[in-house]
Amino acid sequence: MNAQMRRIDLVCKLLGPLFIALIDGISTETAIMVNLGMNVCSVVVEYYSIAKVYDEVPKLQEAKKSPPRPHGEEPAQQSFFVRGCSAVCQGVRQTLKDFGFYFRHRVFLPSFAGALLYLTVLSFSGQMVTWLLSTGYDSTQVAVTRTLAVVFEVLATWVAPWLMERIGPTRAGLWLASWQITCLAGGFAIFWHFASQPVLSASGLVGGVILSRLGLRGFDLCAQILVQEGIEAEARGSFSSTEAAWQNLFEICSYISTIIFSRPDQFKWPALISVISVGIAGLLYAIFVRIQRGHLLHLPSCFAHDRLHRSGQRALDRISSFSDM
């Protein structure tokens, strides 16, 4: 179900930019009006869906019960300031409790690694698109690159489940994270080395980012499977909320990086920060795999058999040498 929902989301991201880009090639004003009309229509669909779910789920219709008040206490006797301070203190205590639970949980590392991936400007969002336009790309070329990136993301919704069926979500996540790091590092190396040739430099980085999307979305699916299976049912809401808070924080940090390094010729620094954050995320996940499995590399059975055979042979040699003495 998770992979199917992700696939639907990515297909919409694939068709949407391409559709708008084609209309923009004809008329920018028409593209703006079409985009506005689609958003207005989506509001109607969303409200209808919310109302339908509300009618079909009886628990959503149950009125929330207010906590009992102490004997003799009336709401009017409490000032607005006291009630506000009490609510704030209660919220802070609950937040600290949720954060403590999040950091102590055994699936904290894959969850935090997934959140750390939001600290990136290498995602064909507004930051990278603006930089590409400054290097000489036009809107059609940007649309094509975004379409290719989404194609690889959609491909990940088949590759990741296929890998998880054969080697499990833990090892599949490690493989896909390694793929993402390798592609981004290779693309960034080309980008840095050919900095004097803007088009070639940008194309190298774009190629690395496109290929890395397979690992990104695949790793995200693996991490979410681990989180959903590892979190107790009654704690999933608080854990997911804390995870979303970290995702939002890291995403804000990515925008701050482009605020600090705002000129197109300074884009290499936000890009470097992005590659480092992806590398740290991969390292955190590798630590999780090491803790869970006791090793990172799973040697083929023939190699393991040869290693055991050599160890046994050395032990027999030592025993023979002691018996000769």
Protein backbone atom coordinates (compact mmCIF):
# COMPACT_ATOMS: atom_id res chain seq x y z
CA MET A 1 0.00 0.00 0.00
CA ASN A 2 2.85 2.39 0.89
CA ALA A 3 4.55 1.74 -2.45
CA GLN A 4 1.28 2.18 -4.34
CA MET A 5 0.51 5.52 -2.69
CA ARG A 6 4.05 6.69 -3.39
CA ARG A 7 3.69 5.57 -7.00
CA ILE A 8 0.48 7.59 -7.44
CA ASP A 9 2.14 10.64 -5.92
CA LEU A 10 5.17 10.35 -8.18
CA VAL A 11 3.13 9.78 -11.33
CA CYS A 12 1.30 13.03 -10.57
CA LYS A 13 4.66 14.74 -10.13
CA LEU A 14 5.76 13.25 -13.44
CA LEU A 15 2.77 14.38 -15.49
CA GLY A 16 2.11 17.71 -13.76
CA PRO A 17 5.34 19.62 -14.54
CA LEU A 18 5.45 18.21 -18.07
CA PHE A 19 1.84 19.25 -18.72
CA ILE A 20 2.36 22.77 -17.36
CA ALA A 21 5.66 23.15 -19.22
CA LEU A 22 3.98 22.30 -22.52
CA ILE A 23 1.25 24.87 -21.88
CA ASP A 24 3.84 27.42 -20.76
CA GLY A 25 5.57 26.96 -24.11
CA ILE A 26 2.39 28.24 -25.74
CA SER A 27 1.38 30.94 -23.25
CA THR A 28 2.58 31.71 -19.71
CA GLU A 29 -0.73 33.41 -18.84
CA THR A 30 -2.65 30.31 -19.94
CA ALA A 31 -0.37 28.08 -17.83
CA ILE A 32 -1.04 30.27 -14.77
CA MET A 33 -4.81 30.13 -15.28
CA VAL A 34 -4.75 26.34 -15.81
CA ASN A 35 -2.71 25.90 -12.64
CA LEU A 36 -5.16 28.08 -10.70
CA GLY A 37 -8.15 26.15 -12.04
CA MET A 38 -6.60 22.79 -11.12
CA ASN A 39 -5.93 23.97 -7.56
CA VAL A 40 -9.48 25.27 -7.14
CA CYS A 41 -10.91 21.99 -8.41
CA SER A 42 -8.66 20.00 -6.07
CA VAL A 43 -10.12 21.86 -3.07
CA VAL A 44 -13.59 20.56 -3.97
CA VAL A 45 -12.30 16.99 -4.30
CA GLU A 46 -10.41 17.23 -0.99
CA TYR A 47 -13.43 18.49 0.95
CA TYR A 48 -15.62 15.77 -0.57
CA SER A 49 -13.06 13.10 0.39
CA ILE A 50 -12.79 14.44 3.96
CA ALA A 51 -16.57 14.44 4.36
CA LYS A 52 -16.84 10.90 3.00
CA VAL A 53 -14.17 9.55 5.37
CA TYR A 54 -15.82 11.36 8.29
CA ASP A 55 -19.17 9.71 7.53
CA GLU A 56 -17.67 6.23 7.10
CA VAL A 57 -15.50 6.23 10.27
CA PRO A 58 -17.72 6.38 13.39
CA LYS A 59 -14.82 7.12 15.74
CA LEU A 60 -14.23 10.46 14.05
CA GLN A 61 -17.77 11.50 14.97
CA GLU A 62 -17.31 10.90 18.68
CA ALA A 63 -17.16 14.12 20.66
CA LYS A 64 -13.94 14.70 22.56
CA LYS A 65 -14.41 14.72 26.32
CA SER A 66 -12.95 17.61 28.28
CA PRO A 67 -10.71 16.70 31.24
CA PRO A 68 -12.50 16.89 34.62
CA ARG A 69 -12.02 20.11 36.56
CA PRO A 70 -11.18 20.23 40.27
CA HIS A 71 -14.17 20.53 42.61
CA GLY A 72 -15.48 24.04 42.86
CA GLU A 73 -13.35 25.47 40.07
CA GLU A 74 -15.12 27.48 37.43
CA PRO A 75 -13.69 28.40 34.01
CA ALA A 76 -14.43 32.05 34.61
CA GLN A 77 -12.20 32.09 37.67
CA GLN A 78 -9.13 31.39 35.55
CA SER A 79 -7.63 34.29 33.70
CA PHE A 80 -6.74 34.06 30.03
CA PHE A 81 -3.05 34.41 30.90
CA VAL A 82 -3.12 31.49 33.37
CA ARG A 83 -4.93 29.23 30.92
CA GLY A 84 -2.50 30.18 28.15
CA CYS A 85 0.57 29.52 30.30
CA SER A 86 -0.86 26.19 31.42
CA ALA A 87 -1.51 25.13 27.83
CA VAL A 88 1.99 26.19 26.74
CA CYS A 89 3.66 24.34 29.63
CA GLN A 90 1.65 21.23 28.92
CA GLY A 91 2.57 21.42 25.25
CA VAL A 92 6.27 21.85 26.04
CA ARG A 93 6.22 18.88 28.44
CA GLN A 94 4.50 16.69 25.87
CA THR A 95 6.94 17.78 23.15
CA LEU A 96 9.96 16.97 25.31
CA LYS A 97 8.41 13.63 26.17
CA ASP A 98 7.83 12.84 22.48
CA PHE A 99 11.39 13.87 21.56
CA GLY A 100 12.80 11.72 24.34
CA PHE A 101 10.79 8.72 23.13
CA TYR A 102 11.92 9.39 19.54
CA PHE A 103 15.63 9.48 20.39
CA ARG A 104 15.48 6.39 22.60
CA HIS A 105 13.60 4.21 20.14
CA ARG A 106 15.45 1.45 18.31
CA VAL A 107 14.33 2.70 14.85
CA PHE A 108 15.49 6.25 15.57
CA LEU A 109 18.52 5.97 13.26
CA PRO A 110 16.67 5.03 10.03
CA SER A 111 13.99 7.62 10.77
CA PHE A 112 16.51 10.39 11.46
CA ALA A 113 18.57 9.37 8.41
CA GLY A 114 15.46 9.74 6.26
CA ALA A 115 14.72 13.15 7.79
CA LEU A 116 18.29 14.31 7.18
CA LEU A 117 17.80 13.77 3.44
CA TYR A 118 15.52 16.82 3.44
CA LEU A 119 18.60 19.01 3.96
CA THR A 120 19.29 19.20 0.25
CA VAL A 121 19.05 21.60 -2.66
CA LEU A 122 19.66 18.80 -5.16
CA SER A 123 16.02 17.87 -5.71
CA PHE A 124 14.79 19.87 -8.73
CA SER A 125 12.91 22.17 -6.40
CA GLY A 126 12.81 25.95 -6.80
CA GLN A 127 16.39 26.39 -5.61
CA MET A 128 18.00 24.05 -8.12
CA VAL A 129 15.66 25.06 -10.95
CA THR A 130 16.57 28.72 -10.44
CA TRP A 131 20.25 27.85 -10.56
CA LEU A 132 19.78 25.74 -13.72
CA LEU A 133 18.05 28.64 -15.45
CA SER A 134 21.00 30.87 -14.55
CA THR A 135 23.46 28.41 -16.15
CA GLY A 136 21.72 28.46 -19.52
CA TYR A 137 18.98 25.83 -19.24
CA ASP A 138 15.58 26.90 -20.58
CA SER A 139 12.18 25.95 -19.15
CA THR A 140 11.71 23.04 -21.55
CA GLN A 141 15.06 21.50 -20.66
CA VAL A 142 14.30 21.91 -16.96
CA ALA A 143 10.95 20.19 -17.50
CA VAL A 144 12.65 17.30 -19.27
CA THR A 145 15.22 16.85 -16.49
CA ARG A 146 12.47 16.93 -13.84
CA THR A 147 10.50 14.37 -15.83
CA LEU A 148 13.50 12.04 -16.03
CA ALA A 149 14.06 12.41 -12.29
CA VAL A 150 10.46 11.47 -11.54
CA VAL A 151 10.73 8.49 -13.91
CA PHE A 152 13.57 7.15 -11.75
CA GLU A 153 11.54 7.87 -8.63
CA VAL A 154 8.59 5.90 -10.01
CA LEU A 155 10.99 3.10 -10.95
CA ALA A 156 12.07 3.00 -7.29
CA THR A 157 8.53 2.00 -6.28
CA TRP A 158 9.09 -1.28 -8.14
CA VAL A 159 12.80 -1.76 -7.44
CA ALA A 160 12.55 -1.24 -3.66
CA PRO A 161 9.74 -3.80 -3.06
CA TRP A 162 11.55 -6.26 -5.33
CA LEU A 163 14.74 -5.86 -3.30
CA MET A 164 12.92 -6.06 0.02
CA GLU A 165 11.31 -9.35 -0.97
CA ARG A 166 14.72 -10.89 -1.65
CA ILE A 167 17.08 -9.40 0.95
CA GLY A 168 14.78 -7.71 3.46
CA PRO A 169 14.11 -4.00 4.07
CA THR A 170 17.22 -3.48 6.22
CA ARG A 171 19.75 -4.63 3.61
CA ALA A 172 17.71 -3.13 0.76
CA GLY A 173 17.85 0.25 2.47
CA LEU A 174 21.63 -0.01 2.76
CA TRP A 175 21.99 -0.87 -0.93
CA LEU A 176 19.73 1.97 -2.05
CA ALA A 177 21.37 4.51 0.26
CA SER A 178 24.76 3.49 -1.15
CA TRP A 179 23.42 3.96 -4.69
CA GLN A 180 22.19 7.45 -3.82
CA ILE A 181 25.48 8.49 -2.23
CA THR A 182 27.53 7.12 -5.14
CA CYS A 183 25.45 8.91 -7.79
CA LEU A 184 25.43 12.23 -5.96
CA ALA A 185 29.15 12.06 -5.21
CA GLY A 186 29.93 11.28 -8.85
CA GLY A 187 27.70 14.07 -10.15
CA PHE A 188 29.13 16.55 -7.68
CA ALA A 189 32.70 15.57 -8.63
CA ILE A 190 31.93 16.36 -12.30
CA PHE A 191 30.21 19.59 -11.26
CA TRP A 192 33.23 20.71 -9.22
CA HIS A 193 35.91 19.58 -11.68
CA PHE A 194 34.36 21.30 -14.71
CA ALA A 195 33.33 24.46 -12.87
CA SER A 196 34.84 26.58 -15.66
CA GLN A 197 32.35 25.09 -18.16
CA PRO A 198 28.91 25.93 -16.73
CA VAL A 199 26.78 23.79 -19.06
CA LEU A 200 28.94 20.68 -18.74
CA SER A 201 29.30 21.20 -15.00
CA ALA A 202 25.54 21.60 -14.52
CA SER A 203 24.78 18.62 -16.75
CA GLY A 204 27.08 16.38 -14.70
CA LEU A 205 25.34 17.39 -11.50
CA VAL A 206 21.92 16.99 -13.10
CA GLY A 207 22.81 13.47 -14.27
CA GLY A 208 23.97 12.48 -10.79
CA VAL A 209 20.83 13.89 -9.18
CA ILE A 210 18.54 12.11 -11.67
CA LEU A 211 20.20 8.73 -11.05
CA SER A 212 20.22 9.29 -7.28
CA ARG A 213 16.42 9.61 -7.18
CA LEU A 214 16.15 5.85 -7.55
CA GLY A 215 18.11 5.39 -4.34
CA LEU A 216 16.35 8.25 -2.56
CA ARG A 217 12.80 7.02 -3.05
CA GLY A 218 13.78 3.39 -2.60
CA PHE A 219 15.55 4.15 0.67
CA ASP A 220 12.57 6.20 1.84
CA LEU A 221 10.26 3.22 1.28
CA CYS A 222 12.62 0.87 3.16
CA ALA A 223 12.99 3.29 6.07
CA GLN A 224 9.21 3.77 6.33
CA ILE A 225 8.69 0.00 6.36
CA LEU A 226 11.18 -0.32 9.21
CA VAL A 227 9.54 2.52 11.13
CA GLN A 228 5.99 1.21 10.64
CA GLU A 229 6.96 -2.30 11.69
CA GLY A 230 9.13 -1.16 14.60
CA ILE A 231 6.85 1.42 16.22
CA GLU A 232 4.14 0.35 18.65
CA ALA A 233 0.64 1.13 17.36
CA GLU A 234 -0.18 3.53 20.20
CA ALA A 235 3.04 5.54 19.67
CA ARG A 236 3.01 5.91 15.89
CA GLY A 237 1.32 9.31 15.98
CA SER A 238 3.86 10.95 18.29
CA PHE A 239 6.82 9.28 16.57
CA SER A 240 5.65 10.34 13.09
CA SER A 241 4.98 13.88 14.29
CA THR A 242 8.48 14.16 15.72
CA GLU A 243 9.94 12.73 12.51
CA ALA A 244 7.99 15.29 10.46
CA ALA A 245 9.29 18.07 12.72
CA TRP A 246 12.88 17.06 11.94
CA GLN A 247 12.08 16.85 8.24
CA ASN A 248 10.68 20.38 8.29
CA LEU A 249 13.67 21.66 10.26
CA PHE A 250 16.18 20.22 7.80
CA GLU A 251 14.16 21.52 4.86
CA ILE A 252 14.24 25.00 6.41
CA CYS A 253 18.01 24.63 6.79
CA SER A 254 18.27 23.88 3.06
CA TYR A 255 16.52 27.18 2.29
CA ILE A 256 18.75 29.00 4.76
CA SER A 257 21.79 27.66 2.91
CA THR A 258 20.61 29.30 -0.33
CA ILE A 259 19.78 32.51 1.55
CA ILE A 260 23.36 32.67 2.80
CA PHE A 261 24.87 31.60 -0.53
CA SER A 262 22.37 33.38 -2.77
CA ARG A 263 24.43 34.04 -5.91
CA PRO A 264 24.42 31.43 -8.71
CA ASP A 265 28.23 31.13 -8.56
CA GLN A 266 27.89 30.18 -4.86
CA PHE A 267 25.53 27.28 -5.50
CA LYS A 268 28.44 24.87 -5.09
CA TRP A 269 28.36 25.41 -1.32
CA PRO A 270 24.69 24.47 -0.77
CA ALA A 271 25.31 21.55 -3.13
CA LEU A 272 28.30 20.47 -1.04
CA ILE A 273 26.22 20.73 2.14
CA SER A 274 23.58 18.56 0.48
CA VAL A 275 26.08 15.86 -0.47
CA ILE A 276 27.53 15.88 3.05
CA SER A 277 24.06 15.54 4.61
CA VAL A 278 23.29 12.57 2.35
CA GLY A 279 26.62 11.01 3.33
CA ILE A 280 25.88 11.48 7.04
CA ALA A 281 22.41 9.97 6.54
CA GLY A 282 24.01 6.94 4.89
CA LEU A 283 26.51 6.64 7.75
CA LEU A 284 23.74 6.75 10.36
CA TYR A 285 21.84 4.07 8.53
CA ALA A 286 24.99 1.95 8.21
CA ILE A 287 25.39 2.18 12.00
CA PHE A 288 21.79 0.98 12.38
CA VAL A 289 22.45 -1.97 10.05
CA ARG A 290 25.63 -2.81 11.98
CA ILE A 291 23.71 -2.79 15.25
CA GLN A 292 20.84 -4.88 13.90
CA ARG A 293 22.79 -7.44 11.87
CA GLY A 294 26.25 -7.39 13.40
CA HIS A 295 27.88 -6.75 10.01
CA LEU A 296 27.52 -4.57 6.93
CA LEU A 297 28.74 -6.85 4.12
CA HIS A 298 26.95 -10.14 3.63
CA LEU A 299 29.51 -12.44 2.02
CA PRO A 300 28.26 -15.07 -0.43
CA SER A 301 28.00 -18.57 1.00
CA CYS A 302 30.98 -19.83 -1.05
CA PHE A 303 33.22 -17.12 0.42
CA ALA A 304 31.98 -17.84 3.92
CA HIS A 305 32.61 -21.58 3.40
CA ASP A 306 36.17 -20.91 2.17
CA ARG A 307 36.84 -18.68 5.16
CA LEU A 308 35.59 -21.32 7.61
CA HIS A 309 37.63 -23.96 5.81
CA ARG A 310 40.80 -21.88 6.08
CA SER A 311 40.16 -21.17 9.75
CA GLY A 312 39.60 -24.85 10.44
CA GLN A 313 42.77 -25.76 8.56
CA ARG A 314 44.83 -23.30 10.60
CA ALA A 315 43.39 -24.74 13.81
CA LEU A 316 44.32 -28.28 12.74
CA ASP A 317 47.87 -27.12 11.90
CA ARG A 318 48.26 -25.60 15.36
CA ILE A 319 46.98 -28.78 17.01
CA SER A 320 49.42 -30.85 14.94
CA SER A 321 52.35 -28.62 15.89
CA PHE A 322 51.51 -28.96 19.61
CA SER A 323 51.25 -32.76 19.32
CA ASP A 324 54.71 -32.92 17.64
CA MET A 325 56.22 -31.10 20.61
